C-alpha atoms as a PDB file:
ATOM      1  CA  MET A   1     122.625 133.372 147.226  1.00  0.00           C
ATOM      2  CA  ASN A   2     120.052 135.692 145.023  1.00  0.00           C
ATOM      3  CA  ILE A   3     121.274 133.369 141.733  1.00  0.00           C
ATOM      4  CA  PHE A   4     120.741 130.428 143.968  1.00  0.00           C
ATOM      5  CA  LYS A   5     117.176 131.299 144.647  1.00  0.00           C
ATOM      6  CA  SER A   6     116.511 132.601 141.135  1.00  0.00           C
ATOM      7  CA  ILE A   7     117.834 128.822 139.737  1.00  0.00           C
ATOM      8  CA  THR A   8     115.593 127.435 142.376  1.00  0.00           C
ATOM      9  CA  LEU A   9     112.570 129.242 141.481  1.00  0.00           C
ATOM     10  CA  VAL A  10     112.942 128.569 137.798  1.00  0.00           C
ATOM     11  CA  PHE A  11     113.552 124.834 138.648  1.00  0.00           C
ATOM     12  CA  VAL A  12     110.255 124.603 140.806  1.00  0.00           C
ATOM     13  CA  PHE A  13     107.990 126.376 138.242  1.00  0.00           C
ATOM     14  CA  LEU A  14     109.625 124.075 135.458  1.00  0.00           C
ATOM     15  CA  LEU A  15     108.559 121.209 137.808  1.00  0.00           C
ATOM     16  CA  ILE A  16     105.292 122.096 138.629  1.00  0.00           C
ATOM     17  CA  SER A  17     104.427 123.244 134.767  1.00  0.00           C
ATOM     18  CA  GLY A  18     105.871 119.690 133.705  1.00  0.00           C
ATOM     19  CA  CYS A  19     103.300 117.723 135.728  1.00  0.00           C
ATOM     20  CA  GLY A  20     100.189 119.648 134.780  1.00  0.00           C
ATOM     21  CA  ASP A  21      97.279 117.867 132.922  1.00  0.00           C
ATOM     22  CA  SER A  22      98.839 115.131 130.476  1.00  0.00           C
ATOM     23  CA  LYS A  23      95.867 115.584 127.653  1.00  0.00           C
ATOM     24  CA  LYS A  24      97.266 117.348 124.769  1.00  0.00           C
ATOM     25  CA  PRO A  25      95.268 118.801 122.428  1.00  0.00           C
ATOM     26  CA  GLU A  26      94.739 117.152 119.152  1.00  0.00           C
ATOM     27  CA  GLU A  27      96.967 118.346 116.365  1.00  0.00           C
ATOM     28  CA  LYS A  28      94.931 118.591 112.938  1.00  0.00           C
ATOM     29  CA  SER A  29      97.267 117.512 109.835  1.00  0.00           C
ATOM     30  CA  ILE A  30      97.129 119.264 107.106  1.00  0.00           C
ATOM     31  CA  TYR A  31      96.899 115.915 105.283  1.00  0.00           C
ATOM     32  CA  LYS A  32      93.860 113.792 105.334  1.00  0.00           C
ATOM     33  CA  ARG A  33      94.515 110.296 106.374  1.00  0.00           C
ATOM     34  CA  VAL A  34      91.907 108.222 104.416  1.00  0.00           C
ATOM     35  CA  LYS A  35      91.432 104.060 105.460  1.00  0.00           C
ATOM     36  CA  THR A  36      91.628 102.103 102.239  1.00  0.00           C
ATOM     37  CA  GLU A  37      90.244  98.678 101.954  1.00  0.00           C
ATOM     38  CA  LYS A  38      93.030  95.977 100.631  1.00  0.00           C
ATOM     39  CA  LYS A  39      91.064  93.468  98.100  1.00  0.00           C
ATOM     40  CA  GLN A  40      92.165  90.423  97.894  1.00  0.00           C
ATOM     41  CA  VAL A  41      93.211  89.308  94.410  1.00  0.00           C
ATOM     42  CA  LYS A  42      92.573  85.653  93.554  1.00  0.00           C
ATOM     43  CA  GLN A  43      95.756  84.180  92.356  1.00  0.00           C
ATOM     44  CA  VAL A  44      95.060  82.363  88.904  1.00  0.00           C
ATOM     45  CA  ASN A  45      97.592  79.872  88.056  1.00  0.00           C
ATOM     46  CA  ALA A  46      97.326  80.678  84.140  1.00  0.00           C
ATOM     47  CA  GLU A  47      98.420  76.914  83.432  1.00  0.00           C
ATOM     48  CA  THR A  48      99.190  76.748  79.765  1.00  0.00           C
ATOM     49  CA  PRO A  49      97.133  73.888  78.276  1.00  0.00           C
ATOM     50  CA  ILE A  50      99.509  71.266  76.746  1.00  0.00           C
ATOM     51  CA  ASP A  51      98.243  70.854  73.029  1.00  0.00           C
ATOM     52  CA  LEU A  52     100.490  68.692  71.066  1.00  0.00           C
ATOM     53  CA  ASN A  53      98.118  68.756  67.761  1.00  0.00           C
ATOM     54  CA  ASN A  54      98.812  72.931  67.633  1.00  0.00           C
ATOM     55  CA  LYS A  55     101.684  73.309  65.125  1.00  0.00           C
ATOM     56  CA  GLY A  56     101.365  77.336  65.596  1.00  0.00           C
ATOM     57  CA  ILE A  57     101.369  79.819  63.162  1.00  0.00           C
ATOM     58  CA  GLY A  58     104.923  80.406  60.564  1.00  0.00           C
ATOM     59  CA  PRO A  59     106.850  78.829  57.824  1.00  0.00           C
ATOM     60  CA  ILE A  60     106.641  75.186  59.364  1.00  0.00           C
ATOM     61  CA  LYS A  61     103.791  73.093  58.824  1.00  0.00           C
ATOM     62  CA  ASN A  62     105.152  69.659  58.951  1.00  0.00           C
ATOM     63  CA  TYR A  63     108.256  68.392  60.660  1.00  0.00           C
ATOM     64  CA  ASN A  64     109.487  65.026  61.351  1.00  0.00           C
ATOM     65  CA  PHE A  65     112.860  64.183  63.418  1.00  0.00           C
ATOM     66  CA  SER A  66     115.199  61.580  62.155  1.00  0.00           C
ATOM     67  CA  SER A  67     115.044  58.397  64.336  1.00  0.00           C
ATOM     68  CA  GLU A  68     118.829  59.250  65.920  1.00  0.00           C
ATOM     69  CA  VAL A  69     119.292  62.269  67.247  1.00  0.00           C
ATOM     70  CA  ASN A  70     121.863  64.617  64.886  1.00  0.00           C
ATOM     71  CA  LEU A  71     124.864  64.885  67.113  1.00  0.00           C
ATOM     72  CA  GLU A  72     126.319  67.727  64.941  1.00  0.00           C
ATOM     73  CA  LEU A  73     123.215  69.469  64.406  1.00  0.00           C
ATOM     74  CA  SER A  74     122.570  69.180  68.339  1.00  0.00           C
ATOM     75  CA  ASN A  75     126.175  70.578  69.088  1.00  0.00           C
ATOM     76  CA  GLU A  76     125.212  73.585  66.844  1.00  0.00           C
ATOM     77  CA  GLY A  77     122.084  74.053  68.534  1.00  0.00           C
ATOM     78  CA  LYS A  78     123.738  74.053  71.818  1.00  0.00           C
ATOM     79  CA  GLN A  79     125.647  77.230  70.745  1.00  0.00           C
ATOM     80  CA  VAL A  80     123.027  79.193  69.278  1.00  0.00           C
ATOM     81  CA  PHE A  81     121.391  78.063  72.694  1.00  0.00           C
ATOM     82  CA  ASN A  82     124.177  79.623  74.820  1.00  0.00           C
ATOM     83  CA  SER A  83     124.220  82.543  72.614  1.00  0.00           C
ATOM     84  CA  LYS A  84     120.953  83.561  72.087  1.00  0.00           C
ATOM     85  CA  CYS A  85     118.444  82.228  74.270  1.00  0.00           C
ATOM     86  CA  THR A  86     120.042  82.017  77.721  1.00  0.00           C
ATOM     87  CA  ALA A  87     119.040  85.501  79.087  1.00  0.00           C
ATOM     88  CA  CYS A  88     115.715  84.565  79.403  1.00  0.00           C
ATOM     89  CA  HIS A  89     115.643  80.525  79.158  1.00  0.00           C
ATOM     90  CA  ASN A  90     117.460  77.823  81.220  1.00  0.00           C
ATOM     91  CA  VAL A  91     117.500  73.935  80.415  1.00  0.00           C
ATOM     92  CA  ASN A  92     115.939  72.693  83.487  1.00  0.00           C
ATOM     93  CA  ARG A  93     114.176  75.644  85.344  1.00  0.00           C
ATOM     94  CA  ARG A  94     111.707  78.441  84.606  1.00  0.00           C
ATOM     95  CA  LEU A  95     113.526  81.680  84.336  1.00  0.00           C
ATOM     96  CA  ILE A  96     111.884  84.658  82.285  1.00  0.00           C
ATOM     97  CA  GLY A  97     110.468  82.016  79.888  1.00  0.00           C
ATOM     98  CA  PRO A  98     109.704  78.362  80.253  1.00  0.00           C
ATOM     99  CA  ALA A  99     112.557  75.653  80.719  1.00  0.00           C
ATOM    100  CA  MET A 100     113.451  73.646  77.774  1.00  0.00           C
ATOM    101  CA  SER A 101     113.669  70.311  79.092  1.00  0.00           C
ATOM    102  CA  GLY A 102     110.772  68.168  77.892  1.00  0.00           C
ATOM    103  CA  ILE A 103     109.674  70.863  75.591  1.00  0.00           C
ATOM    104  CA  TYR A 104     108.144  68.229  72.973  1.00  0.00           C
ATOM    105  CA  GLU A 105     105.916  66.684  76.024  1.00  0.00           C
ATOM    106  CA  ARG A 106     104.488  70.184  76.085  1.00  0.00           C
ATOM    107  CA  ARG A 107     104.631  71.319  72.415  1.00  0.00           C
ATOM    108  CA  SER A 108     104.636  70.007  68.975  1.00  0.00           C
ATOM    109  CA  VAL A 109     107.920  70.131  67.170  1.00  0.00           C
ATOM    110  CA  GLU A 110     106.537  72.121  64.714  1.00  0.00           C
ATOM    111  CA  TRP A 111     104.825  74.737  67.481  1.00  0.00           C
ATOM    112  CA  VAL A 112     108.223  74.890  68.348  1.00  0.00           C
ATOM    113  CA  LEU A 113     109.958  75.781  65.319  1.00  0.00           C
ATOM    114  CA  ASN A 114     107.349  78.259  64.528  1.00  0.00           C
ATOM    115  CA  ILE A 115     107.399  80.105  67.715  1.00  0.00           C
ATOM    116  CA  MET A 116     111.144  80.487  67.238  1.00  0.00           C
ATOM    117  CA  LEU A 117     110.884  81.523  63.908  1.00  0.00           C
ATOM    118  CA  ASN A 118     107.811  83.838  64.211  1.00  0.00           C
ATOM    119  CA  PRO A 119     107.085  84.994  67.642  1.00  0.00           C
ATOM    120  CA  ASP A 120     105.611  88.248  66.947  1.00  0.00           C
ATOM    121  CA  GLN A 121     102.478  86.687  65.355  1.00  0.00           C
ATOM    122  CA  MET A 122     102.645  83.665  67.326  1.00  0.00           C
ATOM    123  CA  LEU A 123     102.012  85.763  70.243  1.00  0.00           C
ATOM    124  CA  LYS A 124      99.206  87.860  68.627  1.00  0.00           C
ATOM    125  CA  GLU A 125      97.079  84.859  67.012  1.00  0.00           C
ATOM    126  CA  ASP A 126      98.385  81.479  68.730  1.00  0.00           C
ATOM    127  CA  PRO A 127      96.045  80.832  71.905  1.00  0.00           C
ATOM    128  CA  THR A 128      98.847  78.474  73.367  1.00  0.00           C
ATOM    129  CA  ALA A 129     101.387  81.285  72.900  1.00  0.00           C
ATOM    130  CA  ILE A 130      98.710  84.030  74.193  1.00  0.00           C
ATOM    131  CA  ALA A 131      98.403  81.865  77.241  1.00  0.00           C
ATOM    132  CA  LEU A 132     101.900  81.742  77.922  1.00  0.00           C
ATOM    133  CA  LEU A 133     102.709  85.161  77.418  1.00  0.00           C
ATOM    134  CA  LYS A 134      99.827  85.471  80.244  1.00  0.00           C
ATOM    135  CA  GLU A 135     101.274  82.810  82.607  1.00  0.00           C
ATOM    136  CA  TYR A 136     105.029  84.732  82.204  1.00  0.00           C
ATOM    137  CA  ASN A 137     103.780  88.334  83.193  1.00  0.00           C
ATOM    138  CA  ASN A 138     103.031  89.272  79.462  1.00  0.00           C
ATOM    139  CA  ILE A 139     106.901  89.440  78.812  1.00  0.00           C
ATOM    140  CA  ILE A 140     107.275  88.904  75.087  1.00  0.00           C
ATOM    141  CA  MET A 141     109.493  86.464  73.424  1.00  0.00           C
ATOM    142  CA  LEU A 142     112.014  88.734  71.415  1.00  0.00           C
ATOM    143  CA  ASN A 143     112.357  87.796  67.892  1.00  0.00           C
ATOM    144  CA  GLN A 144     115.965  86.626  67.512  1.00  0.00           C
ATOM    145  CA  ASN A 145     116.015  86.731  63.729  1.00  0.00           C
ATOM    146  CA  LEU A 146     116.789  83.088  63.557  1.00  0.00           C
ATOM    147  CA  SER A 147     117.442  81.393  60.119  1.00  0.00           C
ATOM    148  CA  GLU A 148     115.173  78.113  59.527  1.00  0.00           C
ATOM    149  CA  LYS A 149     118.773  76.246  60.125  1.00  0.00           C
ATOM    150  CA  GLU A 150     119.466  77.659  63.558  1.00  0.00           C
ATOM    151  CA  ALA A 151     115.851  77.009  64.579  1.00  0.00           C
ATOM    152  CA  LYS A 152     116.163  73.348  63.469  1.00  0.00           C
ATOM    153  CA  SER A 153     119.641  72.942  65.252  1.00  0.00           C
ATOM    154  CA  LEU A 154     118.027  74.445  68.286  1.00  0.00           C
ATOM    155  CA  ALA A 155     115.250  72.004  68.034  1.00  0.00           C
ATOM    156  CA  GLU A 156     117.226  69.020  67.702  1.00  0.00           C
ATOM    157  CA  TYR A 157     119.470  70.116  70.722  1.00  0.00           C
ATOM    158  CA  PHE A 158     115.964  70.018  72.836  1.00  0.00           C
ATOM    159  CA  ARG A 159     115.684  66.589  71.782  1.00  0.00           C
ATOM    160  CA  THR A 160     118.720  65.918  73.924  1.00  0.00           C
ATOM    161  CA  LEU A 161     117.483  67.758  77.027  1.00  0.00           C
END
């Protein structure tokens, strides 16, 4: 019976001490919390200007397509596009780089050829290329070391898109 009284006494003591004042002393943290204000940043859509007069910077000063699409050259361009360009570009939608469909509605043929042949200098000096660089989060177009023939085959392929 003595054990029963001891257990009851401990239980009553715990019950009374548990029902005490519910205010807890404020714990001090060793880390100081600082409220920061979140600044709203305006998202500016860096709409790249359409400039069909800009020929870019590079070896191509003037280039005219023939009236008919050269299907053999276009097929070569499609193969080059699939092997060297599809990591960043898609035909109909924006990826890391812009979509290629309708490129000649936005850029001159010479500009397109020069950005393929001379991307490093174009991204430093050409205003349209610099605007595109900003629009695409400063992701540079890698120099694929295309030959002029490969670039012209790509240009011909872009006509068919």
